[in-house]
Amino acid sequence: MSLTPAPSFALPPRSFQRAVGLALALAIAGGWAAIHVWGMFIFRLSAANWPLALVVAFVQCWLSVGVFIICHDAMHGSLVPGRPRLNSAIGAVLLALYAGFAWKQLRDAHFAHHRLAGRAGDPDFDEHHPDDFWRWYATFFRRYFGWRSILFVHSVVGFYWLVLRVPMAQIVLLYGLPALGSSLQLFYFGTFRPHRHLGGRDAAAFADHHNTRSEEFGTLASLATCFHFGYHLEHHRRPDVPWWALPVARRAGVGRDELAEKVPA
């Protein structure tokens, strides 16, 4: 079956894209950093305020996903188009703060994912367990959370607990759980669901060589789950589109063609 070419989609002017990208990045990363500072240096967990802390932890988990999506856009140059050094600087700083990740290493791995999506050699994919969430997540975790990240997280936790005397329960609730939860959220909505093999299907069931699918979520649900990263076929076809413009690209039909319409999401 021949595929209908994906409709064209025009990005806004670069100046507008830069302004929106930087404003949203500042809001997301700024909120994430402010909650972290508040949670570690100002707030004190008690029996009376733990429900508030739990709500803040959920918000921080979502913002942590957003921070990683900002870094992802920086990798593709869509955060600040036409400014590669600024993209690299923002991405490197945020990835280091997020979990001690190395910018070049993750950027190279992500480009490999785009080249080999859903096939052997794709660092985001587990070809041995393409439909098993936990085994695939374990593979994903081992590949990305190496000694550098483990050393960084343990150093931060040790400093907060042993030097600053922040209670361990508070560190776990407002730092550890949001970080771990964001990795699960990113993996589930941004990697596993888009690239997994459905029951009785293999890679031939996908729309094209990107071996991915998009969610049928509405805009608000898409934002809440993974900052529109669930519109994954649109992203793979147009990696130059920033996260906040993916709903518009989807409505323009970037992820739509004859075969894709016949494959369940």
Protein backbone atom coordinates (compact mmCIF):
# COMPACT_ATOMS: atom_id res chain seq x y z
CA MET A 1 0.00 0.00 0.00
CA SER A 2 1.38 3.41 -0.89
CA LEU A 3 1.34 6.07 1.79
CA THR A 4 -0.12 9.52 1.37
CA PRO A 5 2.67 12.04 2.02
CA ALA A 6 2.39 13.85 5.33
CA PRO A 7 0.95 17.35 4.84
CA SER A 8 3.38 20.24 5.08
CA PHE A 9 3.46 22.29 8.25
CA ALA A 10 4.99 25.74 8.56
CA LEU A 11 6.66 26.78 11.79
CA PRO A 12 6.17 30.32 13.10
CA PRO A 13 8.91 32.90 12.47
CA ARG A 14 12.14 32.11 14.28
CA SER A 15 11.95 35.24 16.42
CA PHE A 16 8.50 34.22 17.67
CA GLN A 17 9.61 30.63 18.24
CA ARG A 18 12.63 31.80 20.24
CA ALA A 19 10.53 34.11 22.40
CA VAL A 20 7.90 31.46 23.15
CA GLY A 21 10.47 28.70 23.70
CA LEU A 22 12.57 30.76 26.11
CA ALA A 23 9.54 32.10 27.99
CA LEU A 24 8.11 28.62 28.51
CA ALA A 25 11.54 27.22 29.41
CA LEU A 26 11.99 29.96 31.99
CA ALA A 27 8.55 29.30 33.48
CA ILE A 28 8.99 25.52 33.65
CA ALA A 29 12.62 25.39 34.75
CA GLY A 30 12.13 28.38 37.05
CA GLY A 31 9.13 26.76 38.73
CA TRP A 32 11.03 23.49 39.05
CA ALA A 33 14.06 25.20 40.63
CA ALA A 34 11.89 27.33 42.95
CA ILE A 35 10.01 24.29 44.27
CA HIS A 36 13.29 22.47 44.83
CA VAL A 37 14.77 25.39 46.80
CA TRP A 38 11.56 25.78 48.80
CA GLY A 39 11.29 22.05 49.46
CA MET A 40 14.88 21.64 50.62
CA PHE A 41 15.71 24.95 52.35
CA ILE A 42 12.45 26.58 53.51
CA PHE A 43 9.71 23.98 53.96
CA ARG A 44 9.74 21.64 56.95
CA LEU A 45 7.75 18.42 56.66
CA SER A 46 5.37 17.64 59.52
CA ALA A 47 2.36 15.49 60.31
CA ALA A 48 0.13 18.49 59.62
CA ASN A 49 1.48 19.55 56.21
CA TRP A 50 2.33 16.25 54.49
CA PRO A 51 -0.78 16.47 52.20
CA LEU A 52 0.56 19.78 50.88
CA ALA A 53 3.99 18.19 50.40
CA LEU A 54 2.40 15.33 48.45
CA VAL A 55 0.65 17.75 46.09
CA VAL A 56 3.89 19.68 45.62
CA ALA A 57 5.68 16.40 44.86
CA PHE A 58 3.21 15.63 42.06
CA VAL A 59 3.65 19.13 40.61
CA GLN A 60 7.44 18.77 40.84
CA CYS A 61 7.27 15.43 39.03
CA TRP A 62 5.37 17.05 36.16
CA LEU A 63 7.75 20.01 36.04
CA SER A 64 10.69 17.59 36.00
CA VAL A 65 9.21 16.02 32.87
CA GLY A 66 8.98 19.52 31.42
CA VAL A 67 12.62 20.24 32.19
CA PHE A 68 13.66 17.15 30.27
CA ILE A 69 11.42 18.10 27.34
CA ILE A 70 13.12 21.51 27.24
CA CYS A 71 16.47 19.72 27.01
CA HIS A 72 15.05 17.50 24.29
CA ASP A 73 14.04 20.54 22.24
CA ALA A 74 17.51 21.98 22.79
CA MET A 75 18.98 18.79 21.30
CA HIS A 76 16.98 19.34 18.12
CA GLY A 77 17.70 23.07 18.04
CA SER A 78 13.98 23.86 18.29
CA LEU A 79 14.22 25.55 21.70
CA VAL A 80 16.10 28.56 20.34
CA PRO A 81 16.28 28.01 16.57
CA GLY A 82 19.38 29.36 14.89
CA ARG A 83 21.32 29.57 18.18
CA PRO A 84 23.16 26.22 18.55
CA ARG A 85 25.46 27.40 21.33
CA LEU A 86 22.57 28.72 23.40
CA ASN A 87 20.63 25.49 22.87
CA SER A 88 23.65 23.48 24.01
CA ALA A 89 24.28 25.70 27.04
CA ILE A 90 20.68 25.53 28.27
CA GLY A 91 20.45 21.80 27.63
CA ALA A 92 23.77 21.03 29.31
CA VAL A 93 22.96 23.02 32.46
CA LEU A 94 19.45 21.61 32.87
CA LEU A 95 20.49 18.01 32.19
CA ALA A 96 23.27 18.31 34.77
CA LEU A 97 20.86 19.71 37.35
CA TYR A 98 18.18 17.17 36.46
CA ALA A 99 20.26 14.07 37.25
CA GLY A 100 23.91 14.74 36.47
CA PHE A 101 23.47 13.73 32.83
CA ALA A 102 26.14 14.53 30.24
CA TRP A 103 24.80 16.71 27.42
CA LYS A 104 26.78 15.28 24.49
CA GLN A 105 26.23 11.68 25.55
CA LEU A 106 22.45 12.07 25.78
CA ARG A 107 22.24 14.15 22.62
CA ASP A 108 24.15 11.53 20.64
CA ALA A 109 21.98 8.76 22.08
CA HIS A 110 18.83 10.64 21.15
CA PHE A 111 19.99 11.16 17.58
CA ALA A 112 20.73 7.43 17.44
CA HIS A 113 17.17 6.82 18.58
CA HIS A 114 15.87 8.85 15.66
CA ARG A 115 18.09 7.03 13.18
CA LEU A 116 17.24 3.54 14.44
CA ALA A 117 13.80 4.05 15.96
CA GLY A 118 12.32 0.80 17.20
CA ARG A 119 15.14 -1.38 15.86
CA ALA A 120 18.27 -3.06 17.22
CA GLY A 121 20.78 -0.40 18.16
CA ASP A 122 18.14 2.12 19.25
CA PRO A 123 19.22 3.07 22.82
CA ASP A 124 15.60 3.83 23.77
CA PHE A 125 14.26 0.49 22.54
CA ASP A 126 14.42 -3.03 23.98
CA GLU A 127 14.10 -5.32 20.97
CA HIS A 128 14.00 -8.36 23.28
CA HIS A 129 10.99 -7.12 25.26
CA PRO A 130 9.09 -4.77 22.90
CA ASP A 131 5.81 -5.22 24.79
CA ASP A 132 7.01 -5.61 28.41
CA PHE A 133 6.96 -2.34 30.35
CA TRP A 134 9.09 -3.28 33.36
CA ARG A 135 11.80 -5.22 31.52
CA TRP A 136 12.06 -2.48 28.92
CA TYR A 137 12.21 0.19 31.64
CA ALA A 138 14.99 -1.73 33.40
CA THR A 139 16.95 -1.78 30.13
CA PHE A 140 16.23 1.92 29.58
CA PHE A 141 17.31 2.78 33.14
CA ARG A 142 20.59 0.84 32.90
CA ARG A 143 21.51 2.52 29.62
CA TYR A 144 20.92 6.07 30.77
CA PHE A 145 21.45 6.20 34.53
CA GLY A 146 25.15 5.39 34.69
CA TRP A 147 27.77 6.02 37.35
CA ARG A 148 27.80 9.76 36.69
CA SER A 149 24.10 10.15 37.48
CA ILE A 150 24.26 7.83 40.48
CA LEU A 151 27.25 9.73 41.90
CA PHE A 152 25.52 13.07 41.34
CA VAL A 153 22.26 12.03 43.04
CA HIS A 154 24.03 10.41 45.98
CA SER A 155 26.22 13.49 46.44
CA VAL A 156 23.20 15.81 46.48
CA VAL A 157 21.29 13.59 48.89
CA GLY A 158 24.33 13.19 51.15
CA PHE A 159 24.95 16.94 51.24
CA TYR A 160 21.34 17.79 52.04
CA TRP A 161 21.04 15.08 54.71
CA LEU A 162 24.43 15.08 56.41
CA VAL A 163 25.51 18.69 55.99
CA LEU A 164 22.30 20.71 55.82
CA ARG A 165 20.36 18.32 58.07
CA VAL A 166 17.33 18.13 55.80
CA PRO A 167 15.17 15.21 57.04
CA MET A 168 15.51 12.14 54.82
CA ALA A 169 11.72 11.79 54.52
CA GLN A 170 11.59 15.30 53.10
CA ILE A 171 14.43 14.59 50.65
CA VAL A 172 12.72 11.41 49.47
CA LEU A 173 9.29 13.02 49.09
CA LEU A 174 10.30 16.30 47.45
CA TYR A 175 13.46 15.31 45.57
CA GLY A 176 13.76 11.56 45.13
CA LEU A 177 10.19 10.60 44.29
CA PRO A 178 9.59 13.43 41.77
CA ALA A 179 12.85 12.57 40.00
CA LEU A 180 12.08 8.85 39.83
CA GLY A 181 8.44 9.50 38.99
CA SER A 182 9.40 11.79 36.12
CA SER A 183 11.63 9.08 34.64
CA LEU A 184 8.71 6.64 34.74
CA GLN A 185 6.36 9.23 33.27
CA LEU A 186 8.75 10.13 30.47
CA PHE A 187 9.41 6.49 29.69
CA TYR A 188 5.78 5.38 29.76
CA PHE A 189 4.25 8.21 27.73
CA GLY A 190 7.27 9.24 25.67
CA THR A 191 8.94 5.92 24.84
CA PHE A 192 7.01 2.78 25.78
CA ARG A 193 3.51 3.67 24.57
CA PRO A 194 4.66 5.26 21.29
CA HIS A 195 7.15 2.53 20.35
CA ARG A 196 5.78 -0.62 21.99
CA HIS A 197 4.58 -3.58 19.96
CA LEU A 198 0.89 -4.26 20.48
CA GLY A 199 -0.37 -7.77 21.03
CA GLY A 200 0.07 -9.91 17.93
CA ARG A 201 1.78 -7.10 16.02
CA ASP A 202 5.36 -6.29 15.11
CA ALA A 203 7.17 -3.34 13.56
CA ALA A 204 5.33 -3.85 10.27
CA ALA A 205 2.17 -2.57 11.96
CA PHE A 206 3.57 0.95 12.36
CA ALA A 207 2.82 3.71 9.87
CA ASP A 208 6.38 4.03 8.56
CA HIS A 209 10.08 3.51 9.34
CA HIS A 210 9.85 5.66 12.46
CA ASN A 211 8.19 2.69 14.19
CA THR A 212 6.07 4.86 16.41
CA ARG A 213 2.49 5.99 16.91
CA SER A 214 0.76 8.98 18.46
CA GLU A 215 -1.72 9.12 21.30
CA GLU A 216 -5.33 10.13 20.73
CA PHE A 217 -5.23 12.37 23.79
CA GLY A 218 -6.73 15.83 23.65
CA THR A 219 -4.46 18.83 24.08
CA LEU A 220 -4.85 19.17 27.87
CA ALA A 221 -4.37 15.45 28.53
CA SER A 222 -1.37 15.47 26.20
CA LEU A 223 0.15 18.38 28.10
CA ALA A 224 -0.50 16.75 31.48
CA THR A 225 0.93 13.37 30.55
CA CYS A 226 4.18 14.32 28.82
CA PHE A 227 4.20 17.88 27.42
CA HIS A 228 2.76 16.65 24.09
CA PHE A 229 5.54 14.07 23.65
CA GLY A 230 2.76 11.52 23.16
CA TYR A 231 2.26 13.07 19.71
CA HIS A 232 5.27 11.02 18.82
CA LEU A 233 4.80 10.27 15.14
CA GLU A 234 4.49 14.00 14.54
CA HIS A 235 7.73 14.54 16.44
CA HIS A 236 9.65 11.87 14.51
CA ARG A 237 8.42 13.22 11.17
CA ARG A 238 9.13 16.82 12.15
CA PRO A 239 11.79 16.88 14.91
CA ASP A 240 12.23 20.60 14.27
CA VAL A 241 8.80 21.32 15.79
CA PRO A 242 9.05 22.43 19.46
CA TRP A 243 6.95 20.63 22.06
CA TRP A 244 4.42 23.44 22.42
CA ALA A 245 3.66 23.43 18.66
CA LEU A 246 3.09 19.67 18.35
CA PRO A 247 -0.71 19.94 18.84
CA VAL A 248 -0.88 22.37 15.91
CA ALA A 249 1.31 20.06 13.80
CA ARG A 250 -1.00 17.19 14.69
CA ARG A 251 -4.10 19.15 13.65
CA ALA A 252 -2.29 20.03 10.41
CA GLY A 253 -2.03 16.29 9.69
CA VAL A 254 1.73 15.78 10.09
CA GLY A 255 1.15 12.36 11.63
CA ARG A 256 -1.67 11.30 9.35
CA ASP A 257 -1.56 9.04 6.30
CA GLU A 258 -3.44 6.08 4.88
CA LEU A 259 -1.74 3.36 6.90
CA ALA A 260 -1.54 5.32 10.12
CA GLU A 261 -5.30 5.81 10.12
CA LYS A 262 -5.80 2.03 10.06
CA VAL A 263 -3.42 1.21 12.93
CA PRO A 264 -4.92 1.58 16.43
CA ALA A 265 -3.08 3.94 18.75
